[in-house]
Amino acid sequence: MKFSLFAHMERISSQEDQKKLYSEFVELCQIADAGGMHAVWTGEHHGMNFTIAPNPMLNLVDLARVTKNVRLGTGTVIAPFWHPIRLAGEAAMTDMITDGRLELGIARGAYTFEYDRLSPGLDAWQAGQYMRELVPAVKALWKGDYTHEGEQVAFPKTTSVPQPVQENGPPMWIAARDPNSHEFAVKQGCNVQVTPLWNGDAEIESLIAKFNAACEKHADMPRPKIMLLLHTYVAESDADAKDAAVELNRFYNYFGAWFMNKREITQGLIEPLSDEEIANHPIYSPEALERDLAVGTSDKIIDRLKSFEALGYDEYAFWIDSSMSFERKKASLERFIRDVMPAFA
């Protein structure tokens, strides 16, 4: 099982300097590269200080200049916000500048907040239909001289300019949850990204079962890879793990509030949650998150990840977003590289 880092700039207070946050993001990616991780992933979000990432390919081009070996992945671009010609060309240019290190992850998107602003009236189902049209169109544009007549978009004969460095284009990854998404990815020859979020082992097992079922249903296609994305904290002690669970509980409360899209947002920052609101959340709690995420000392994390490897996951993405301090993120990542990864060598 390969290991990668999934990270964004996170801004939870107007007092935090954005340029400093970006420097810290870059340093985490450099640590991943120097430590022998397989890839770095960063996503696309708009108008949200919670995850600052207006165009992940800008970040990846910059990271290519200060890293040596890691693959550089979009985790993920939001399909309905991209025209196929634009995505094909920008991804190909990114692949060229990064010397063929690009991995192109694509999703339908999740936040109504973003749909409302970039594509008013769009819902998740329509976004999924757009993704199903976008993926084959981009692949065809990389081959060149392609005419598209679709339900979402149409254009006359066009070629991606430039064309990607990697033969057949960068590997594509589809963020999948339901069986239809898994089947779409397998039929398109795309790898699969999954995240159980806070849902624990039952969801982790369910997601790979859906992937396996899709592979069996389309056995004529080569079996793609599947990556598990999960919040991770490698603690120096059991007490430190409990502190991390409290921090991750706060993160998930804000994640849920952004997803529900009901709180006031000012200058890209959500109206603060009170301690009482966090303590009374009907789903999230520090105890549940310590159990269901990957939180604990290195021996516990090794055992947990070994179980994921046994299920058949090809890649594990260390999701570091947590609203923790940079120092705590860095220390956890360094412990992961030093104490956890060697167990999988």
Protein backbone atom coordinates (compact mmCIF):
# COMPACT_ATOMS: atom_id res chain seq x y z
CA MET A 1 0.00 0.00 0.00
CA LYS A 2 1.36 3.40 -1.00
CA PHE A 3 1.05 6.49 1.18
CA SER A 4 0.21 10.04 0.19
CA LEU A 5 -0.58 13.39 1.81
CA PHE A 6 -3.90 15.22 1.35
CA ALA A 7 -3.75 18.87 2.41
CA HIS A 8 -5.25 22.33 1.98
CA MET A 9 -4.56 25.76 3.37
CA GLU A 10 -6.91 26.12 6.34
CA ARG A 11 -7.87 29.52 7.69
CA ILE A 12 -10.15 29.56 10.72
CA SER A 13 -9.49 33.11 11.91
CA SER A 14 -9.20 36.47 10.17
CA GLN A 15 -6.01 37.00 12.18
CA GLU A 16 -4.13 34.26 10.29
CA ASP A 17 -1.81 35.45 7.52
CA GLN A 18 -2.66 33.73 4.24
CA LYS A 19 0.88 33.80 2.86
CA LYS A 20 2.19 32.18 6.04
CA LEU A 21 -0.47 29.50 5.74
CA TYR A 22 0.64 28.79 2.18
CA SER A 23 4.28 28.52 3.26
CA GLU A 24 3.23 25.99 5.90
CA PHE A 25 1.23 24.03 3.32
CA VAL A 26 4.31 23.88 1.07
CA GLU A 27 6.51 22.75 3.97
CA LEU A 28 4.17 19.86 4.76
CA CYS A 29 4.31 18.80 1.10
CA GLN A 30 8.11 18.99 1.13
CA ILE A 31 8.20 16.80 4.25
CA ALA A 32 6.02 14.25 2.43
CA ASP A 33 8.34 14.32 -0.57
CA ALA A 34 11.56 14.02 1.45
CA GLY A 35 10.00 11.25 3.54
CA GLY A 36 9.27 9.03 0.56
CA MET A 37 5.51 9.44 0.28
CA HIS A 38 4.05 8.53 -3.09
CA ALA A 39 1.92 11.62 -3.78
CA VAL A 40 0.55 14.94 -2.58
CA TRP A 41 -3.11 15.76 -3.18
CA THR A 42 -4.91 19.10 -2.90
CA GLY A 43 -8.43 20.01 -3.95
CA GLU A 44 -10.58 22.79 -5.38
CA HIS A 45 -12.81 25.06 -3.31
CA HIS A 46 -14.13 28.58 -3.72
CA GLY A 47 -14.95 31.37 -1.30
CA MET A 48 -14.24 29.19 1.75
CA ASN A 49 -11.41 30.02 4.13
CA PHE A 50 -12.04 26.57 5.61
CA THR A 51 -10.29 25.09 2.55
CA ILE A 52 -8.37 27.61 0.45
CA ALA A 53 -7.78 26.08 -2.98
CA PRO A 54 -9.25 28.04 -5.91
CA ASN A 55 -7.24 26.10 -8.51
CA PRO A 56 -5.22 23.09 -7.33
CA MET A 57 -3.14 23.05 -10.51
CA LEU A 58 -1.58 26.38 -9.52
CA ASN A 59 -0.46 24.79 -6.26
CA LEU A 60 0.84 21.66 -7.99
CA VAL A 61 2.91 23.63 -10.50
CA ASP A 62 4.48 25.53 -7.61
CA LEU A 63 5.09 22.31 -5.65
CA ALA A 64 6.82 20.78 -8.67
CA ARG A 65 9.58 23.39 -8.28
CA VAL A 66 10.27 22.55 -4.62
CA THR A 67 9.75 18.76 -4.59
CA LYS A 68 11.59 15.99 -6.40
CA ASN A 69 9.68 12.74 -6.49
CA VAL A 70 6.08 12.92 -5.26
CA ARG A 71 3.25 12.56 -7.71
CA LEU A 72 1.11 15.71 -7.73
CA GLY A 73 -2.63 15.17 -7.60
CA THR A 74 -5.83 17.17 -7.78
CA GLY A 75 -7.95 15.82 -5.00
CA THR A 76 -10.25 16.89 -6.62
CA VAL A 77 -11.30 19.36 -9.30
CA ILE A 78 -15.05 19.99 -9.26
CA ALA A 79 -16.43 18.80 -12.59
CA PRO A 80 -19.32 21.25 -13.18
CA PHE A 81 -16.99 24.22 -12.73
CA TRP A 82 -14.82 23.17 -15.70
CA HIS A 83 -15.42 23.19 -19.44
CA PRO A 84 -13.86 20.05 -20.99
CA ILE A 85 -11.57 22.05 -23.30
CA ARG A 86 -10.30 24.18 -20.43
CA LEU A 87 -9.71 21.20 -18.13
CA ALA A 88 -7.97 19.19 -20.84
CA GLY A 89 -5.64 22.07 -21.72
CA GLU A 90 -4.85 23.21 -18.17
CA ALA A 91 -4.26 19.63 -16.98
CA ALA A 92 -2.01 18.94 -19.95
CA MET A 93 -0.02 22.13 -19.30
CA THR A 94 0.30 21.14 -15.64
CA ASP A 95 1.47 17.69 -16.67
CA MET A 96 4.08 19.26 -18.94
CA ILE A 97 5.39 21.72 -16.35
CA THR A 98 5.56 19.01 -13.65
CA ASP A 99 7.46 16.62 -15.98
CA GLY A 100 4.63 14.10 -16.07
CA ARG A 101 3.86 13.94 -12.35
CA LEU A 102 0.18 14.95 -12.54
CA GLU A 103 -2.65 12.75 -11.23
CA LEU A 104 -6.06 14.18 -12.15
CA GLY A 105 -8.77 13.59 -9.55
CA ILE A 106 -12.31 14.66 -10.47
CA ALA A 107 -15.49 14.89 -8.37
CA ARG A 108 -19.01 16.21 -8.74
CA GLY A 109 -18.52 18.50 -5.71
CA ALA A 110 -20.29 18.49 -2.37
CA TYR A 111 -20.89 21.99 -0.98
CA THR A 112 -24.18 23.71 -1.85
CA PHE A 113 -22.38 26.94 -0.87
CA GLU A 114 -20.17 26.56 -3.96
CA TYR A 115 -22.93 25.43 -6.31
CA ASP A 116 -25.00 28.47 -5.33
CA ARG A 117 -22.20 30.83 -6.29
CA LEU A 118 -20.56 29.24 -9.32
CA SER A 119 -23.53 27.46 -10.88
CA PRO A 120 -26.81 28.62 -9.30
CA GLY A 121 -29.55 26.02 -9.35
CA LEU A 122 -27.15 23.10 -9.74
CA ASP A 123 -27.68 20.10 -7.49
CA ALA A 124 -25.50 17.07 -6.78
CA TRP A 125 -27.33 14.83 -9.27
CA GLN A 126 -26.85 17.30 -12.14
CA ALA A 127 -23.21 17.76 -11.12
CA GLY A 128 -22.75 14.00 -11.32
CA GLN A 129 -24.20 13.96 -14.83
CA TYR A 130 -21.78 16.70 -15.84
CA MET A 131 -18.87 14.67 -14.47
CA ARG A 132 -19.96 11.65 -16.50
CA GLU A 133 -19.84 13.79 -19.64
CA LEU A 134 -16.63 15.63 -18.75
CA VAL A 135 -14.34 12.64 -18.15
CA PRO A 136 -14.59 10.93 -21.56
CA ALA A 137 -14.52 14.32 -23.29
CA VAL A 138 -11.21 15.27 -21.64
CA LYS A 139 -9.69 11.91 -22.58
CA ALA A 140 -10.81 12.37 -26.17
CA LEU A 141 -9.43 15.92 -26.32
CA TRP A 142 -6.02 14.64 -25.19
CA LYS A 143 -6.04 12.35 -28.24
CA GLY A 144 -7.09 15.30 -30.42
CA ASP A 145 -9.57 16.43 -33.08
CA TYR A 146 -12.67 15.66 -31.07
CA THR A 147 -16.21 16.96 -31.59
CA HIS A 148 -18.62 16.85 -28.67
CA GLU A 149 -22.42 16.89 -28.73
CA GLY A 150 -23.61 16.31 -25.18
CA GLU A 151 -26.51 17.17 -22.91
CA GLN A 152 -24.36 19.47 -20.76
CA VAL A 153 -22.02 21.03 -23.32
CA ALA A 154 -21.25 20.95 -27.04
CA PHE A 155 -18.31 22.13 -29.15
CA PRO A 156 -16.90 21.65 -32.66
CA LYS A 157 -13.73 19.73 -33.51
CA THR A 158 -11.04 20.62 -30.98
CA THR A 159 -7.68 19.34 -29.75
CA SER A 160 -6.22 19.80 -26.29
CA VAL A 161 -3.46 22.40 -26.48
CA PRO A 162 -0.95 21.52 -25.27
CA GLN A 163 -1.09 17.75 -25.04
CA PRO A 164 0.04 15.95 -21.89
CA VAL A 165 3.49 14.49 -21.38
CA GLN A 166 2.22 11.18 -20.00
CA GLU A 167 1.14 8.66 -22.59
CA ASN A 168 -2.68 8.62 -22.78
CA GLY A 169 -2.71 11.57 -20.38
CA PRO A 170 -2.41 11.81 -16.60
CA PRO A 171 -4.06 8.99 -14.63
CA MET A 172 -7.62 9.96 -13.78
CA TRP A 173 -9.25 9.37 -10.41
CA ILE A 174 -12.98 9.56 -9.69
CA ALA A 175 -14.29 10.42 -6.24
CA ALA A 176 -16.89 7.68 -5.75
CA ARG A 177 -19.39 6.73 -3.09
CA ASP A 178 -22.47 5.07 -4.60
CA PRO A 179 -22.30 1.92 -6.79
CA ASN A 180 -23.04 3.87 -9.99
CA SER A 181 -19.99 6.12 -9.43
CA HIS A 182 -17.75 3.10 -8.89
CA GLU A 183 -19.08 1.48 -12.06
CA PHE A 184 -18.59 4.68 -14.05
CA ALA A 185 -14.96 4.92 -12.92
CA VAL A 186 -14.18 1.31 -13.77
CA LYS A 187 -15.85 1.52 -17.19
CA GLN A 188 -13.88 4.69 -17.96
CA GLY A 189 -10.57 3.13 -16.92
CA CYS A 190 -10.24 5.56 -14.00
CA ASN A 191 -8.87 4.95 -10.54
CA VAL A 192 -11.14 5.54 -7.54
CA GLN A 193 -10.81 7.84 -4.53
CA VAL A 194 -13.05 7.15 -1.52
CA THR A 195 -13.48 8.79 1.86
CA PRO A 196 -15.64 7.41 4.66
CA LEU A 197 -15.43 10.79 6.44
CA TRP A 198 -16.46 10.09 10.07
CA ASN A 199 -18.37 6.86 9.35
CA GLY A 200 -15.75 4.34 10.45
CA ASP A 201 -14.98 0.75 9.55
CA ALA A 202 -18.43 -0.20 8.27
CA GLU A 203 -18.18 2.52 5.61
CA ILE A 204 -14.55 1.68 4.81
CA GLU A 205 -15.57 -1.91 4.16
CA SER A 206 -18.70 -0.90 2.24
CA LEU A 207 -16.79 1.41 -0.09
CA ILE A 208 -14.29 -1.22 -1.17
CA ALA A 209 -17.09 -3.78 -1.51
CA LYS A 210 -18.80 -1.44 -3.99
CA PHE A 211 -15.50 -1.04 -5.85
CA ASN A 212 -14.94 -4.78 -5.99
CA ALA A 213 -18.49 -5.34 -7.23
CA ALA A 214 -17.93 -2.79 -10.00
CA CYS A 215 -14.68 -4.51 -11.01
CA GLU A 216 -16.42 -7.89 -11.11
CA LYS A 217 -19.31 -6.50 -13.15
CA HIS A 218 -16.88 -5.05 -15.68
CA ALA A 219 -14.27 -7.81 -15.62
CA ASP A 220 -13.36 -7.02 -19.23
CA MET A 221 -11.73 -3.78 -18.01
CA PRO A 222 -8.32 -3.71 -16.27
CA ARG A 223 -8.73 -3.41 -12.50
CA PRO A 224 -8.00 0.21 -11.50
CA LYS A 225 -6.51 1.37 -8.20
CA ILE A 226 -8.46 2.49 -5.16
CA MET A 227 -7.30 5.08 -2.63
CA LEU A 228 -8.65 5.57 0.89
CA LEU A 229 -8.66 9.12 2.23
CA LEU A 230 -8.96 9.38 6.01
CA HIS A 231 -8.17 11.92 8.70
CA THR A 232 -4.98 10.80 10.42
CA TYR A 233 -3.09 11.84 13.53
CA VAL A 234 -0.07 9.94 14.82
CA ALA A 235 0.14 10.76 18.50
CA GLU A 236 3.13 10.77 20.82
CA SER A 237 0.99 9.34 23.65
CA ASP A 238 -2.55 8.21 24.43
CA ALA A 239 -3.21 11.59 26.05
CA ASP A 240 -2.01 13.36 22.91
CA ALA A 241 -4.38 11.20 20.84
CA LYS A 242 -7.32 12.33 22.97
CA ASP A 243 -6.31 15.96 22.48
CA ALA A 244 -6.24 15.36 18.72
CA ALA A 245 -9.69 13.79 18.83
CA VAL A 246 -11.04 16.94 20.48
CA GLU A 247 -9.46 19.07 17.74
CA LEU A 248 -10.79 16.82 14.97
CA ASN A 249 -14.25 16.95 16.56
CA ARG A 250 -14.16 20.73 16.28
CA PHE A 251 -13.01 20.42 12.64
CA TYR A 252 -15.89 18.09 11.77
CA ASN A 253 -18.42 20.36 13.46
CA TYR A 254 -17.28 23.16 11.16
CA PHE A 255 -17.20 20.78 8.18
CA GLY A 256 -20.80 19.83 8.89
CA ALA A 257 -21.85 23.45 9.29
CA TRP A 258 -20.33 24.36 5.93
CA PHE A 259 -22.04 21.37 4.34
CA MET A 260 -25.45 22.29 5.79
CA ASN A 261 -24.99 25.84 4.42
CA LYS A 262 -27.24 27.49 7.00
CA ARG A 263 -24.88 29.70 9.06
CA GLU A 264 -23.89 33.26 8.32
CA ILE A 265 -20.60 33.61 6.42
CA THR A 266 -18.55 36.82 6.53
CA GLN A 267 -15.30 37.37 4.63
CA GLY A 268 -15.21 33.67 3.81
CA LEU A 269 -15.38 32.69 7.49
CA ILE A 270 -18.34 30.88 9.00
CA GLU A 271 -20.14 32.24 12.07
CA PRO A 272 -18.25 30.65 15.00
CA LEU A 273 -19.72 27.60 16.68
CA SER A 274 -20.14 27.76 20.43
CA ASP A 275 -18.65 25.15 22.76
CA GLU A 276 -22.21 24.17 23.64
CA GLU A 277 -23.14 23.58 19.98
CA ILE A 278 -20.05 21.43 19.51
CA ALA A 279 -20.67 19.45 22.69
CA ASN A 280 -24.30 18.77 21.72
CA HIS A 281 -23.74 17.69 18.10
CA PRO A 282 -25.91 14.62 17.41
CA ILE A 283 -23.26 12.82 15.32
CA TYR A 284 -19.74 13.98 16.12
CA SER A 285 -17.89 13.43 19.39
CA PRO A 286 -14.21 13.13 20.30
CA GLU A 287 -14.72 9.53 21.44
CA ALA A 288 -16.37 8.47 18.16
CA LEU A 289 -13.78 10.21 16.01
CA GLU A 290 -10.87 8.70 17.94
CA ARG A 291 -12.45 5.31 17.24
CA ASP A 292 -13.48 5.84 13.61
CA LEU A 293 -10.64 7.92 12.15
CA ALA A 294 -6.95 7.00 12.28
CA VAL A 295 -5.99 8.61 15.58
CA GLY A 296 -3.51 7.10 18.02
CA THR A 297 0.07 6.16 18.71
CA SER A 298 2.11 4.65 15.89
CA ASP A 299 1.46 1.03 16.87
CA LYS A 300 -2.30 1.61 16.77
CA ILE A 301 -2.05 3.39 13.42
CA ILE A 302 0.04 0.56 11.95
CA ASP A 303 -2.55 -2.02 13.00
CA ARG A 304 -5.37 0.10 11.60
CA LEU A 305 -3.66 0.65 8.27
CA LYS A 306 -2.71 -3.02 7.99
CA SER A 307 -6.42 -3.81 8.13
CA PHE A 308 -7.05 -1.39 5.24
CA GLU A 309 -4.25 -2.98 3.24
CA ALA A 310 -5.79 -6.41 3.87
CA LEU A 311 -9.12 -5.15 2.50
CA GLY A 312 -7.36 -4.34 -0.78
CA TYR A 313 -6.75 -0.59 -0.71
CA ASP A 314 -3.84 0.36 -2.98
CA GLU A 315 -3.13 3.81 -1.56
CA TYR A 316 -3.76 5.50 1.77
CA ALA A 317 -4.04 9.28 1.86
CA PHE A 318 -3.10 10.92 5.16
CA TRP A 319 -5.75 13.67 5.41
CA ILE A 320 -4.00 16.31 7.49
CA ASP A 321 -6.66 19.07 7.46
CA SER A 322 -7.75 19.38 11.07
CA SER A 323 -7.63 23.04 12.16
CA MET A 324 -4.70 22.04 14.38
CA SER A 325 -1.63 24.21 14.66
CA PHE A 326 1.02 23.80 12.00
CA GLU A 327 3.41 22.45 14.64
CA ARG A 328 1.01 19.66 15.60
CA LYS A 329 0.34 18.74 11.96
CA LYS A 330 4.06 18.67 11.21
CA ALA A 331 4.90 16.52 14.24
CA SER A 332 2.16 14.02 13.37
CA LEU A 333 3.30 13.77 9.75
CA GLU A 334 6.92 13.29 10.78
CA ARG A 335 5.92 10.50 13.19
CA PHE A 336 3.91 8.88 10.40
CA ILE A 337 6.90 8.89 8.07
CA ARG A 338 9.39 7.79 10.73
CA ASP A 339 7.34 5.28 12.73
CA VAL A 340 4.46 4.05 10.57
CA MET A 341 5.60 3.85 6.94
CA PRO A 342 8.59 1.54 7.59
CA ALA A 343 6.14 -1.16 8.74
CA PHE A 344 4.85 -1.29 5.14
CA ALA A 345 8.22 -1.20 3.35
